[in-house]
Amino acid sequence: MENFGEFFSSTAGKTTIILLISFSFLFIVFYFRKDEKIFSTKALTYSAILLALGISANQIKFFSLPQGGSVTLFSMIFIVFIGYMFGLRVGLIAGITFGLLNLLIKPEVYTPVQAIIDYILAFGALGLSGLFADKKDKLIFAYLVSIIGRFLFAVFSGYVFFGAYAPEGWNPLFYSFWYNFSYIGTEAVITVLLLSIPVVKNTLENLKASNFKTN
């Protein structure tokens, strides 16, 4: 399986990911071409901007933890906000795209199933915020639901594929829970504190409200 991981770090692997993203996007556009809300100009524009901000923020680390994992500059909230603005389908598409872009930039792949769980399902779960697109003042709750979704997939992947690396005396499931919570949970707490600041919360809620007024 080492060769599989090395493949995604190679030029051929990165090309494959780019093609996968491109063909997936074309398929989604074709499938939903009659749904103006899914692929309205506003949804595409906002999603592209927020994805770019999310990828950029993901490269900026507040700090890295000794056992692995990094707390980024609020990178996940950008993806969560896409779903919160435009709904579940757009949110899931954005989350999966974010995961594939992360796979392109910094692949950590050991088996095909692990890649699917870590980069497609886990990051795709950030789009669960779309469940609250028709709600008001639910951004923090939507963010927590999305983060918990990503966290659960990460814990499952850690337990199944990396349980053997748990320190001696540690239960693999508990270690995976603690390992993933140490960075995903830490970033979630910091982000919730940010979203609790009235000016930040009101700005984002007003931005979402303006989107609905023009739809």
N, C-alpha and C. Protein backbone atom coordinates (compact mmCIF):
# COMPACT_ATOMS: atom_id res chain seq x y z
N MET A 1 0.81 -1.21 0.00
CA MET A 1 0.00 0.00 0.00
C MET A 1 0.85 1.27 0.00
N GLU A 2 2.16 1.14 0.25
CA GLU A 2 3.02 2.32 0.21
C GLU A 2 3.02 2.92 -1.19
N ASN A 3 3.00 2.04 -2.22
CA ASN A 3 2.98 2.54 -3.59
C ASN A 3 1.72 3.34 -3.87
N PHE A 4 0.62 2.93 -3.26
CA PHE A 4 -0.64 3.65 -3.44
C PHE A 4 -0.51 5.06 -2.88
N GLY A 5 0.08 5.18 -1.69
CA GLY A 5 0.27 6.49 -1.09
C GLY A 5 1.23 7.36 -1.90
N GLU A 6 2.29 6.77 -2.40
CA GLU A 6 3.26 7.51 -3.20
C GLU A 6 2.64 8.00 -4.50
N PHE A 7 1.69 7.24 -5.03
CA PHE A 7 1.04 7.61 -6.29
C PHE A 7 0.40 8.99 -6.19
N PHE A 8 -0.26 9.28 -5.08
CA PHE A 8 -0.95 10.55 -4.94
C PHE A 8 0.01 11.72 -4.73
N SER A 9 1.25 11.43 -4.43
CA SER A 9 2.26 12.49 -4.30
C SER A 9 2.99 12.73 -5.62
N SER A 10 2.76 11.85 -6.59
CA SER A 10 3.43 11.95 -7.88
C SER A 10 2.66 12.88 -8.82
N THR A 11 3.31 13.24 -9.92
CA THR A 11 2.64 14.07 -10.93
C THR A 11 1.42 13.36 -11.50
N ALA A 12 1.56 12.07 -11.75
CA ALA A 12 0.43 11.29 -12.27
C ALA A 12 -0.73 11.28 -11.29
N GLY A 13 -0.41 11.15 -10.01
CA GLY A 13 -1.46 11.14 -9.00
C GLY A 13 -2.18 12.46 -8.91
N LYS A 14 -1.40 13.56 -8.91
CA LYS A 14 -2.01 14.89 -8.83
C LYS A 14 -2.85 15.17 -10.08
N THR A 15 -2.38 14.71 -11.24
CA THR A 15 -3.16 14.86 -12.47
C THR A 15 -4.47 14.10 -12.37
N THR A 16 -4.41 12.90 -11.80
CA THR A 16 -5.61 12.09 -11.61
C THR A 16 -6.63 12.81 -10.74
N ILE A 17 -6.16 13.43 -9.66
CA ILE A 17 -7.06 14.14 -8.76
C ILE A 17 -7.69 15.34 -9.47
N ILE A 18 -6.90 16.08 -10.24
CA ILE A 18 -7.43 17.21 -10.99
C ILE A 18 -8.50 16.76 -11.97
N LEU A 19 -8.23 15.66 -12.66
CA LEU A 19 -9.22 15.13 -13.61
C LEU A 19 -10.47 14.66 -12.88
N LEU A 20 -10.27 14.05 -11.71
CA LEU A 20 -11.41 13.58 -10.92
C LEU A 20 -12.29 14.74 -10.49
N ILE A 21 -11.66 15.82 -10.02
CA ILE A 21 -12.41 17.01 -9.63
C ILE A 21 -13.15 17.59 -10.84
N SER A 22 -12.46 17.66 -11.97
CA SER A 22 -13.05 18.26 -13.17
C SER A 22 -14.24 17.46 -13.67
N PHE A 23 -14.06 16.13 -13.79
CA PHE A 23 -15.15 15.29 -14.29
C PHE A 23 -16.32 15.25 -13.31
N SER A 24 -16.00 15.27 -12.00
CA SER A 24 -17.07 15.28 -11.00
C SER A 24 -17.89 16.56 -11.11
N PHE A 25 -17.18 17.68 -11.29
CA PHE A 25 -17.87 18.96 -11.42
C PHE A 25 -18.74 18.99 -12.67
N LEU A 26 -18.21 18.49 -13.80
CA LEU A 26 -18.98 18.46 -15.04
C LEU A 26 -20.21 17.58 -14.91
N PHE A 27 -20.05 16.44 -14.22
CA PHE A 27 -21.18 15.54 -14.01
C PHE A 27 -22.26 16.22 -13.17
N ILE A 28 -21.83 16.89 -12.11
CA ILE A 28 -22.80 17.55 -11.22
C ILE A 28 -23.51 18.68 -11.95
N VAL A 29 -22.76 19.45 -12.73
CA VAL A 29 -23.37 20.53 -13.51
C VAL A 29 -24.40 19.97 -14.47
N PHE A 30 -24.05 18.89 -15.16
CA PHE A 30 -24.98 18.27 -16.12
C PHE A 30 -26.22 17.74 -15.41
N TYR A 31 -26.01 17.08 -14.28
CA TYR A 31 -27.11 16.44 -13.57
C TYR A 31 -28.09 17.47 -13.00
N PHE A 32 -27.53 18.58 -12.50
CA PHE A 32 -28.37 19.59 -11.87
C PHE A 32 -28.54 20.84 -12.75
N ARG A 33 -28.34 20.69 -14.05
CA ARG A 33 -28.31 21.85 -14.93
C ARG A 33 -29.62 22.64 -14.95
N LYS A 34 -30.74 21.96 -14.62
CA LYS A 34 -32.04 22.65 -14.63
C LYS A 34 -32.40 23.26 -13.28
N ASP A 35 -31.57 22.99 -12.28
CA ASP A 35 -31.85 23.52 -10.94
C ASP A 35 -31.08 24.83 -10.76
N GLU A 36 -31.75 25.95 -10.96
CA GLU A 36 -31.07 27.24 -10.94
C GLU A 36 -30.52 27.59 -9.57
N LYS A 37 -31.16 27.08 -8.50
CA LYS A 37 -30.67 27.39 -7.16
C LYS A 37 -29.34 26.71 -6.89
N ILE A 38 -29.21 25.46 -7.41
CA ILE A 38 -27.96 24.72 -7.18
C ILE A 38 -26.80 25.40 -7.89
N PHE A 39 -27.01 25.79 -9.15
CA PHE A 39 -25.90 26.37 -9.90
C PHE A 39 -26.22 27.78 -10.41
N SER A 40 -26.79 28.56 -9.54
CA SER A 40 -26.97 29.97 -9.86
C SER A 40 -25.61 30.63 -9.89
N THR A 41 -25.55 31.76 -10.57
CA THR A 41 -24.28 32.50 -10.64
C THR A 41 -23.80 32.87 -9.25
N LYS A 42 -24.75 33.28 -8.39
CA LYS A 42 -24.36 33.67 -7.04
C LYS A 42 -23.79 32.49 -6.26
N ALA A 43 -24.44 31.31 -6.36
CA ALA A 43 -23.96 30.13 -5.63
C ALA A 43 -22.57 29.73 -6.10
N LEU A 44 -22.35 29.75 -7.40
CA LEU A 44 -21.03 29.38 -7.94
C LEU A 44 -19.97 30.39 -7.51
N THR A 45 -20.31 31.67 -7.58
CA THR A 45 -19.33 32.71 -7.23
C THR A 45 -18.95 32.65 -5.76
N TYR A 46 -19.97 32.63 -4.90
CA TYR A 46 -19.69 32.58 -3.46
C TYR A 46 -18.94 31.30 -3.10
N SER A 47 -19.35 30.17 -3.67
CA SER A 47 -18.72 28.90 -3.34
C SER A 47 -17.25 28.89 -3.76
N ALA A 48 -16.97 29.44 -4.95
CA ALA A 48 -15.58 29.49 -5.42
C ALA A 48 -14.72 30.35 -4.50
N ILE A 49 -15.26 31.51 -4.10
CA ILE A 49 -14.51 32.41 -3.22
C ILE A 49 -14.27 31.76 -1.86
N LEU A 50 -15.32 31.16 -1.29
CA LEU A 50 -15.19 30.55 0.04
C LEU A 50 -14.29 29.32 0.01
N LEU A 51 -14.35 28.55 -1.07
CA LEU A 51 -13.44 27.41 -1.21
C LEU A 51 -11.99 27.88 -1.26
N ALA A 52 -11.75 28.94 -2.03
CA ALA A 52 -10.39 29.48 -2.12
C ALA A 52 -9.91 29.98 -0.76
N LEU A 53 -10.79 30.66 -0.03
CA LEU A 53 -10.43 31.13 1.31
C LEU A 53 -10.18 29.96 2.26
N GLY A 54 -11.01 28.92 2.14
CA GLY A 54 -10.84 27.74 2.99
C GLY A 54 -9.52 27.03 2.74
N ILE A 55 -9.19 26.88 1.47
CA ILE A 55 -7.91 26.23 1.13
C ILE A 55 -6.74 27.07 1.61
N SER A 56 -6.83 28.39 1.43
CA SER A 56 -5.75 29.27 1.89
C SER A 56 -5.61 29.22 3.41
N ALA A 57 -6.75 29.29 4.11
CA ALA A 57 -6.72 29.25 5.57
C ALA A 57 -6.20 27.91 6.09
N ASN A 58 -6.45 26.85 5.32
CA ASN A 58 -6.00 25.52 5.73
C ASN A 58 -4.48 25.40 5.72
N GLN A 59 -3.84 26.27 4.97
CA GLN A 59 -2.37 26.24 4.90
C GLN A 59 -1.73 27.06 6.02
N ILE A 60 -2.56 27.82 6.75
CA ILE A 60 -2.06 28.64 7.85
C ILE A 60 -2.38 27.94 9.16
N LYS A 61 -1.35 27.58 9.90
CA LYS A 61 -1.54 26.83 11.13
C LYS A 61 -1.39 27.73 12.35
N PHE A 62 -2.38 27.67 13.22
CA PHE A 62 -2.22 28.31 14.53
C PHE A 62 -1.10 27.61 15.29
N PHE A 63 -1.18 26.28 15.29
CA PHE A 63 -0.13 25.46 15.89
C PHE A 63 -0.36 24.01 15.50
N SER A 64 0.73 23.25 15.54
CA SER A 64 0.67 21.81 15.27
C SER A 64 0.87 21.07 16.58
N LEU A 65 0.16 19.98 16.74
CA LEU A 65 0.23 19.20 17.97
C LEU A 65 1.33 18.15 17.88
N PRO A 66 1.95 17.82 19.01
CA PRO A 66 3.08 16.88 19.01
C PRO A 66 2.74 15.52 18.39
N GLN A 67 1.52 15.03 18.62
CA GLN A 67 1.15 13.71 18.13
C GLN A 67 0.64 13.74 16.69
N GLY A 68 0.60 14.94 16.10
CA GLY A 68 0.12 15.07 14.74
C GLY A 68 -1.18 15.87 14.70
N GLY A 69 -1.53 16.36 13.53
CA GLY A 69 -2.72 17.18 13.40
C GLY A 69 -2.40 18.64 13.66
N SER A 70 -3.12 19.51 12.97
CA SER A 70 -2.87 20.95 13.11
C SER A 70 -4.17 21.71 13.26
N VAL A 71 -4.12 22.78 14.02
CA VAL A 71 -5.25 23.69 14.16
C VAL A 71 -5.05 24.81 13.16
N THR A 72 -5.97 24.93 12.20
CA THR A 72 -5.79 25.89 11.12
C THR A 72 -6.51 27.20 11.42
N LEU A 73 -6.36 28.14 10.50
CA LEU A 73 -6.93 29.47 10.65
C LEU A 73 -8.41 29.44 10.24
N PHE A 74 -9.23 28.75 11.04
CA PHE A 74 -10.69 28.70 10.84
C PHE A 74 -11.08 28.18 9.45
N SER A 75 -10.28 27.24 8.91
CA SER A 75 -10.50 26.83 7.52
C SER A 75 -11.86 26.17 7.29
N MET A 76 -12.37 25.43 8.26
CA MET A 76 -13.60 24.67 8.03
C MET A 76 -14.85 25.54 7.99
N ILE A 77 -14.83 26.69 8.65
CA ILE A 77 -16.02 27.53 8.68
C ILE A 77 -16.36 28.04 7.28
N PHE A 78 -15.37 28.23 6.43
CA PHE A 78 -15.64 28.71 5.07
C PHE A 78 -16.48 27.69 4.29
N ILE A 79 -16.17 26.41 4.48
CA ILE A 79 -16.91 25.36 3.77
C ILE A 79 -18.28 25.18 4.41
N VAL A 80 -18.32 25.22 5.72
CA VAL A 80 -19.59 25.09 6.43
C VAL A 80 -20.55 26.21 6.00
N PHE A 81 -20.03 27.39 5.81
CA PHE A 81 -20.88 28.54 5.47
C PHE A 81 -21.50 28.40 4.08
N ILE A 82 -20.81 27.70 3.18
CA ILE A 82 -21.37 27.46 1.84
C ILE A 82 -22.69 26.69 1.97
N GLY A 83 -22.67 25.59 2.72
CA GLY A 83 -23.89 24.83 2.91
C GLY A 83 -24.95 25.61 3.64
N TYR A 84 -24.52 26.39 4.63
CA TYR A 84 -25.47 27.18 5.43
C TYR A 84 -26.18 28.22 4.56
N MET A 85 -25.50 28.70 3.52
CA MET A 85 -26.10 29.68 2.63
C MET A 85 -26.94 29.05 1.54
N PHE A 86 -26.46 27.95 0.95
CA PHE A 86 -27.07 27.45 -0.28
C PHE A 86 -27.71 26.07 -0.18
N GLY A 87 -27.67 25.44 0.98
CA GLY A 87 -28.36 24.18 1.13
C GLY A 87 -27.47 22.96 1.14
N LEU A 88 -28.10 21.81 1.38
CA LEU A 88 -27.37 20.57 1.62
C LEU A 88 -26.58 20.11 0.40
N ARG A 89 -27.21 20.10 -0.77
CA ARG A 89 -26.52 19.58 -1.95
C ARG A 89 -25.29 20.42 -2.31
N VAL A 90 -25.45 21.73 -2.28
CA VAL A 90 -24.30 22.60 -2.56
C VAL A 90 -23.23 22.42 -1.49
N GLY A 91 -23.67 22.30 -0.23
CA GLY A 91 -22.71 22.11 0.87
C GLY A 91 -21.92 20.82 0.73
N LEU A 92 -22.59 19.73 0.38
CA LEU A 92 -21.89 18.45 0.22
C LEU A 92 -20.91 18.50 -0.94
N ILE A 93 -21.33 19.13 -2.04
CA ILE A 93 -20.43 19.27 -3.20
C ILE A 93 -19.20 20.08 -2.81
N ALA A 94 -19.41 21.17 -2.08
CA ALA A 94 -18.29 22.01 -1.65
C ALA A 94 -17.36 21.25 -0.70
N GLY A 95 -17.95 20.50 0.24
CA GLY A 95 -17.13 19.74 1.18
C GLY A 95 -16.28 18.70 0.49
N ILE A 96 -16.88 17.97 -0.45
CA ILE A 96 -16.13 16.94 -1.19
C ILE A 96 -15.04 17.59 -2.03
N THR A 97 -15.36 18.71 -2.66
CA THR A 97 -14.35 19.42 -3.45
C THR A 97 -13.20 19.88 -2.57
N PHE A 98 -13.52 20.39 -1.39
CA PHE A 98 -12.50 20.81 -0.42
C PHE A 98 -11.61 19.62 -0.04
N GLY A 99 -12.23 18.47 0.17
CA GLY A 99 -11.45 17.28 0.50
C GLY A 99 -10.53 16.85 -0.62
N LEU A 100 -11.02 16.87 -1.86
CA LEU A 100 -10.20 16.48 -3.00
C LEU A 100 -9.05 17.47 -3.22
N LEU A 101 -9.32 18.74 -2.98
CA LEU A 101 -8.24 19.73 -3.10
C LEU A 101 -7.18 19.52 -2.02
N ASN A 102 -7.60 19.14 -0.82
CA ASN A 102 -6.64 18.81 0.23
C ASN A 102 -5.84 17.57 -0.13
N LEU A 103 -6.51 16.62 -0.77
CA LEU A 103 -5.81 15.42 -1.24
C LEU A 103 -4.76 15.78 -2.28
N LEU A 104 -5.09 16.77 -3.10
CA LEU A 104 -4.16 17.23 -4.13
C LEU A 104 -2.95 17.94 -3.52
N ILE A 105 -3.21 18.78 -2.52
CA ILE A 105 -2.16 19.60 -1.93
C ILE A 105 -1.26 18.80 -0.98
N LYS A 106 -1.88 18.03 -0.10
CA LYS A 106 -1.09 17.29 0.89
C LYS A 106 -1.69 15.91 1.11
N PRO A 107 -1.40 14.98 0.19
CA PRO A 107 -2.00 13.64 0.31
C PRO A 107 -1.35 12.81 1.43
N GLU A 108 -2.20 12.22 2.24
CA GLU A 108 -1.76 11.25 3.24
C GLU A 108 -2.64 10.01 3.05
N VAL A 109 -2.26 9.20 2.08
CA VAL A 109 -3.10 8.09 1.63
C VAL A 109 -2.35 6.78 1.80
N TYR A 110 -3.04 5.79 2.36
CA TYR A 110 -2.44 4.48 2.59
C TYR A 110 -3.25 3.36 1.95
N THR A 111 -4.56 3.51 1.89
CA THR A 111 -5.42 2.54 1.22
C THR A 111 -6.53 3.31 0.50
N PRO A 112 -7.12 2.71 -0.55
CA PRO A 112 -8.21 3.40 -1.26
C PRO A 112 -9.38 3.75 -0.36
N VAL A 113 -9.79 2.81 0.51
CA VAL A 113 -10.94 3.06 1.38
C VAL A 113 -10.63 4.18 2.37
N GLN A 114 -9.42 4.18 2.89
CA GLN A 114 -9.02 5.24 3.83
C GLN A 114 -9.07 6.60 3.15
N ALA A 115 -8.66 6.67 1.88
CA ALA A 115 -8.71 7.94 1.14
C ALA A 115 -10.14 8.42 0.98
N ILE A 116 -11.05 7.49 0.69
CA ILE A 116 -12.46 7.86 0.52
C ILE A 116 -13.03 8.39 1.82
N ILE A 117 -12.73 7.70 2.93
CA ILE A 117 -13.28 8.13 4.23
C ILE A 117 -12.70 9.46 4.66
N ASP A 118 -11.38 9.61 4.56
CA ASP A 118 -10.71 10.81 5.07
C ASP A 118 -10.91 12.05 4.20
N TYR A 119 -10.97 11.86 2.88
CA TYR A 119 -10.99 13.02 2.02
C TYR A 119 -12.34 13.30 1.36
N ILE A 120 -13.18 12.29 1.22
CA ILE A 120 -14.48 12.50 0.60
C ILE A 120 -15.59 12.54 1.64
N LEU A 121 -15.67 11.50 2.47
CA LEU A 121 -16.75 11.44 3.45
C LEU A 121 -16.54 12.44 4.60
N ALA A 122 -15.33 12.47 5.16
CA ALA A 122 -15.08 13.35 6.31
C ALA A 122 -15.23 14.82 5.93
N PHE A 123 -14.59 15.23 4.84
CA PHE A 123 -14.70 16.63 4.44
C PHE A 123 -16.08 16.92 3.85
N GLY A 124 -16.67 15.92 3.19
CA GLY A 124 -18.02 16.10 2.67
C GLY A 124 -19.00 16.39 3.78
N ALA A 125 -18.76 15.82 4.97
CA ALA A 125 -19.65 16.03 6.11
C ALA A 125 -19.74 17.50 6.52
N LEU A 126 -18.76 18.31 6.13
CA LEU A 126 -18.82 19.74 6.44
C LEU A 126 -20.03 20.39 5.77
N GLY A 127 -20.54 19.73 4.73
CA GLY A 127 -21.70 20.26 4.04
C GLY A 127 -23.02 19.99 4.74
N LEU A 128 -22.98 19.26 5.85
CA LEU A 128 -24.20 19.00 6.61
C LEU A 128 -24.84 20.28 7.15
N SER A 129 -24.08 21.35 7.12
CA SER A 129 -24.62 22.65 7.53
C SER A 129 -25.79 23.05 6.65
N GLY A 130 -25.85 22.46 5.45
CA GLY A 130 -26.95 22.76 4.54
C GLY A 130 -28.30 22.35 5.08
N LEU A 131 -28.32 21.49 6.08
CA LEU A 131 -29.58 21.10 6.71
C LEU A 131 -30.25 22.28 7.40
N PHE A 132 -29.48 23.35 7.64
CA PHE A 132 -29.99 24.51 8.37
C PHE A 132 -30.07 25.75 7.49
N ALA A 133 -30.05 25.53 6.18
CA ALA A 133 -30.05 26.66 5.25
C ALA A 133 -31.32 27.50 5.34
N ASP A 134 -32.42 26.86 5.73
CA ASP A 134 -33.67 27.61 5.83
C ASP A 134 -33.96 28.08 7.25
N LYS A 135 -32.95 27.98 8.11
CA LYS A 135 -33.10 28.43 9.50
C LYS A 135 -32.40 29.76 9.71
N LYS A 136 -32.78 30.45 10.75
CA LYS A 136 -32.17 31.74 11.09
C LYS A 136 -31.41 31.63 12.40
N ASP A 137 -30.25 32.28 12.45
CA ASP A 137 -29.42 32.32 13.65
C ASP A 137 -29.04 30.92 14.15
N LYS A 138 -28.71 30.03 13.21
CA LYS A 138 -28.33 28.66 13.56
C LYS A 138 -26.91 28.32 13.08
N LEU A 139 -26.11 29.34 12.79
CA LEU A 139 -24.79 29.08 12.22
C LEU A 139 -23.91 28.27 13.17
N ILE A 140 -23.89 28.62 14.44
CA ILE A 140 -23.04 27.89 15.38
C ILE A 140 -23.50 26.44 15.48
N PHE A 141 -24.79 26.23 15.57
CA PHE A 141 -25.32 24.86 15.65
C PHE A 141 -25.00 24.10 14.36
N ALA A 142 -25.17 24.76 13.21
CA ALA A 142 -24.85 24.12 11.92
C ALA A 142 -23.37 23.76 11.86
N TYR A 143 -22.53 24.66 12.36
CA TYR A 143 -21.09 24.39 12.37
C TYR A 143 -20.77 23.18 13.23
N LEU A 144 -21.37 23.11 14.41
CA LEU A 144 -21.09 21.99 15.32
C LEU A 144 -21.55 20.67 14.73
N VAL A 145 -22.71 20.65 14.09
CA VAL A 145 -23.20 19.42 13.46
C VAL A 145 -22.23 18.97 12.37
N SER A 146 -21.77 19.92 11.57
CA SER A 146 -20.84 19.60 10.48
C SER A 146 -19.51 19.08 11.01
N ILE A 147 -19.00 19.73 12.04
CA ILE A 147 -17.72 19.33 12.62
C ILE A 147 -17.83 17.94 13.26
N ILE A 148 -18.94 17.69 13.92
CA ILE A 148 -19.14 16.37 14.53
C ILE A 148 -19.17 15.30 13.44
N GLY A 149 -19.80 15.62 12.30
CA GLY A 149 -19.80 14.69 11.18
C GLY A 149 -18.41 14.37 10.70
N ARG A 150 -17.59 15.40 10.50
CA ARG A 150 -16.21 15.17 10.08
C ARG A 150 -15.45 14.38 11.15
N PHE A 151 -15.65 14.76 12.39
CA PHE A 151 -14.95 14.13 13.50
C PHE A 151 -15.25 12.63 13.57
N LEU A 152 -16.50 12.24 13.41
CA LEU A 152 -16.88 10.83 13.50
C LEU A 152 -16.23 10.01 12.40
N PHE A 153 -16.19 10.55 11.19
CA PHE A 153 -15.51 9.84 10.11
C PHE A 153 -14.02 9.73 10.39
N ALA A 154 -13.42 10.79 10.92
CA ALA A 154 -11.99 10.77 11.24
C ALA A 154 -11.68 9.75 12.32
N VAL A 155 -12.54 9.67 13.34
CA VAL A 155 -12.33 8.69 14.41
C VAL A 155 -12.44 7.28 13.86
N PHE A 156 -13.43 7.04 13.02
CA PHE A 156 -13.61 5.71 12.42
C PHE A 156 -12.39 5.33 11.59
N SER A 157 -11.91 6.25 10.78
CA SER A 157 -10.73 5.98 9.95
C SER A 157 -9.51 5.70 10.82
N GLY A 158 -9.33 6.52 11.86
CA GLY A 158 -8.19 6.33 12.75
C GLY A 158 -8.22 4.99 13.45
N TYR A 159 -9.40 4.58 13.87
CA TYR A 159 -9.55 3.29 14.56
C TYR A 159 -9.28 2.12 13.63
N VAL A 160 -9.85 2.17 12.42
CA VAL A 160 -9.76 1.05 11.49
C VAL A 160 -8.38 0.95 10.86
N PHE A 161 -7.84 2.09 10.41
CA PHE A 161 -6.62 2.05 9.60
C PHE A 161 -5.34 2.38 10.38
N PHE A 162 -5.48 3.05 11.54
CA PHE A 162 -4.28 3.45 12.26
C PHE A 162 -4.28 2.99 13.71
N GLY A 163 -5.22 2.10 14.04
CA GLY A 163 -5.30 1.61 15.42
C GLY A 163 -4.04 0.92 15.89
N ALA A 164 -3.32 0.33 14.95
CA ALA A 164 -2.09 -0.39 15.31
C ALA A 164 -1.01 0.55 15.82
N TYR A 165 -1.15 1.85 15.53
CA TYR A 165 -0.14 2.82 15.94
C TYR A 165 -0.46 3.46 17.29
N ALA A 166 -1.53 3.04 17.92
CA ALA A 166 -1.86 3.57 19.24
C ALA A 166 -0.76 3.23 20.24
N PRO A 167 -0.41 4.15 21.12
CA PRO A 167 0.63 3.86 22.12
C PRO A 167 0.26 2.64 22.97
N GLU A 168 1.27 1.99 23.44
CA GLU A 168 1.05 0.79 24.25
C GLU A 168 0.18 1.12 25.46
N GLY A 169 -0.82 0.30 25.67
CA GLY A 169 -1.72 0.51 26.79
C GLY A 169 -2.95 1.32 26.45
N TRP A 170 -2.99 1.90 25.26
CA TRP A 170 -4.14 2.70 24.83
C TRP A 170 -5.11 1.83 24.04
N ASN A 171 -6.39 1.99 24.31
CA ASN A 171 -7.41 1.39 23.46
C ASN A 171 -7.41 2.12 22.12
N PRO A 172 -7.32 1.41 20.98
CA PRO A 172 -7.23 2.08 19.68
C PRO A 172 -8.38 3.05 19.40
N LEU A 173 -9.60 2.68 19.81
CA LEU A 173 -10.74 3.55 19.56
C LEU A 173 -10.63 4.82 20.41
N PHE A 174 -10.26 4.67 21.67
CA PHE A 174 -10.12 5.83 22.55
C PHE A 174 -8.99 6.73 22.06
N TYR A 175 -7.89 6.11 21.61
CA TYR A 175 -6.77 6.90 21.11
C TYR A 175 -7.16 7.69 19.87
N SER A 176 -7.92 7.06 18.95
CA SER A 176 -8.37 7.76 17.75
C SER A 176 -9.28 8.91 18.12
N PHE A 177 -10.15 8.69 19.11
CA PHE A 177 -11.05 9.75 19.58
C PHE A 177 -10.25 10.91 20.13
N TRP A 178 -9.29 10.62 20.98
CA TRP A 178 -8.49 11.68 21.61
C TRP A 178 -7.62 12.39 20.58
N TYR A 179 -6.99 11.64 19.69
CA TYR A 179 -6.11 12.20 18.67
C TYR A 179 -6.86 13.20 17.78
N ASN A 180 -8.02 12.78 17.28
CA ASN A 180 -8.77 13.64 16.38
C ASN A 180 -9.42 14.81 17.10
N PHE A 181 -9.85 14.58 18.34
CA PHE A 181 -10.45 15.68 19.10
C PHE A 181 -9.41 16.74 19.44
N SER A 182 -8.16 16.33 19.60
CA SER A 182 -7.11 17.26 20.01
C SER A 182 -6.92 18.39 19.00
N TYR A 183 -7.16 18.12 17.71
CA TYR A 183 -7.01 19.21 16.74
C TYR A 183 -8.34 19.65 16.12
N ILE A 184 -9.21 18.69 15.78
CA ILE A 184 -10.52 19.09 15.25
C ILE A 184 -11.33 19.79 16.34
N GLY A 185 -11.34 19.22 17.53
CA GLY A 185 -12.08 19.81 18.64
C GLY A 185 -11.53 21.15 19.05
N THR A 186 -10.20 21.28 19.07
CA THR A 186 -9.58 22.55 19.45
C THR A 186 -9.96 23.65 18.45
N GLU A 187 -9.87 23.33 17.15
CA GLU A 187 -10.25 24.33 16.15
C GLU A 187 -11.73 24.67 16.25
N ALA A 188 -12.56 23.67 16.55
CA ALA A 188 -14.00 23.91 16.69
C ALA A 188 -14.28 24.89 17.84
N VAL A 189 -13.62 24.70 18.96
CA VAL A 189 -13.82 25.58 20.12
C VAL A 189 -13.42 27.01 19.78
N ILE A 190 -12.26 27.16 19.14
CA ILE A 190 -11.78 28.50 18.77
C ILE A 190 -12.74 29.16 17.79
N THR A 191 -13.23 28.36 16.82
CA THR A 191 -14.14 28.91 15.81
C THR A 191 -15.47 29.31 16.43
N VAL A 192 -16.00 28.50 17.34
CA VAL A 192 -17.26 28.85 18.01
C VAL A 192 -17.10 30.14 18.80
N LEU A 193 -15.95 30.33 19.43
CA LEU A 193 -15.70 31.59 20.15
C LEU A 193 -15.72 32.76 19.19
N LEU A 194 -15.13 32.57 18.00
CA LEU A 194 -15.13 33.62 16.99
C LEU A 194 -16.56 33.93 16.54
N LEU A 195 -17.33 32.87 16.28
CA LEU A 195 -18.71 33.05 15.80
C LEU A 195 -19.62 33.63 16.87
N SER A 196 -19.19 33.58 18.12
CA SER A 196 -19.99 34.12 19.21
C SER A 196 -19.82 35.62 19.36
N ILE A 197 -18.83 36.19 18.67
CA ILE A 197 -18.63 37.64 18.70
C ILE A 197 -19.77 38.29 17.91
N PRO A 198 -20.55 39.16 18.51
CA PRO A 198 -21.75 39.72 17.84
C PRO A 198 -21.50 40.26 16.44
N VAL A 199 -20.43 41.01 16.24
CA VAL A 199 -20.20 41.60 14.92
C VAL A 199 -19.93 40.53 13.87
N VAL A 200 -19.24 39.46 14.24
CA VAL A 200 -18.98 38.37 13.30
C VAL A 200 -20.27 37.62 13.00
N LYS A 201 -20.98 37.26 14.05
CA LYS A 201 -22.24 36.53 13.89
C LYS A 201 -23.24 37.31 13.05
N ASN A 202 -23.42 38.59 13.36
CA ASN A 202 -24.41 39.40 12.64
C ASN A 202 -24.02 39.61 11.18
N THR A 203 -22.74 39.77 10.92
CA THR A 203 -22.28 39.96 9.55
C THR A 203 -22.58 38.73 8.70
N LEU A 204 -22.28 37.55 9.23
CA LEU A 204 -22.52 36.32 8.47
C LEU A 204 -24.01 36.04 8.31
N GLU A 205 -24.78 36.28 9.35
CA GLU A 205 -26.22 36.06 9.25
C GLU A 205 -26.85 37.03 8.25
N ASN A 206 -26.39 38.27 8.23
CA ASN A 206 -26.90 39.25 7.27
C ASN A 206 -26.51 38.88 5.84
N LEU A 207 -25.32 38.34 5.68
CA LEU A 207 -24.87 37.90 4.35
C LEU A 207 -25.76 36.77 3.86
N LYS A 208 -26.08 35.84 4.73
CA LYS A 208 -26.97 34.75 4.36
C LYS A 208 -28.37 35.28 4.04
N ALA A 209 -28.87 36.19 4.86
CA ALA A 209 -30.21 36.74 4.65
C ALA A 209 -30.29 37.47 3.32
N SER A 210 -29.24 38.18 2.94
CA SER A 210 -29.24 38.90 1.66
C SER A 210 -29.28 37.92 0.50
N ASN A 211 -28.70 36.75 0.67
CA ASN A 211 -28.73 35.73 -0.37
C ASN A 211 -30.16 35.26 -0.60
N PHE A 212 -30.92 35.04 0.48
CA PHE A 212 -32.28 34.56 0.35
C PHE A 212 -33.19 35.62 -0.28
N LYS A 213 -32.91 36.88 0.01
CA LYS A 213 -33.74 37.95 -0.53
C LYS A 213 -33.63 38.06 -2.05
N THR A 214 -32.47 37.62 -2.59
CA THR A 214 -32.26 37.76 -4.02
C THR A 214 -32.52 36.46 -4.77
N ASN A 215 -32.95 35.40 -4.06
CA ASN A 215 -33.22 34.12 -4.71
C ASN A 215 -34.68 34.04 -5.14
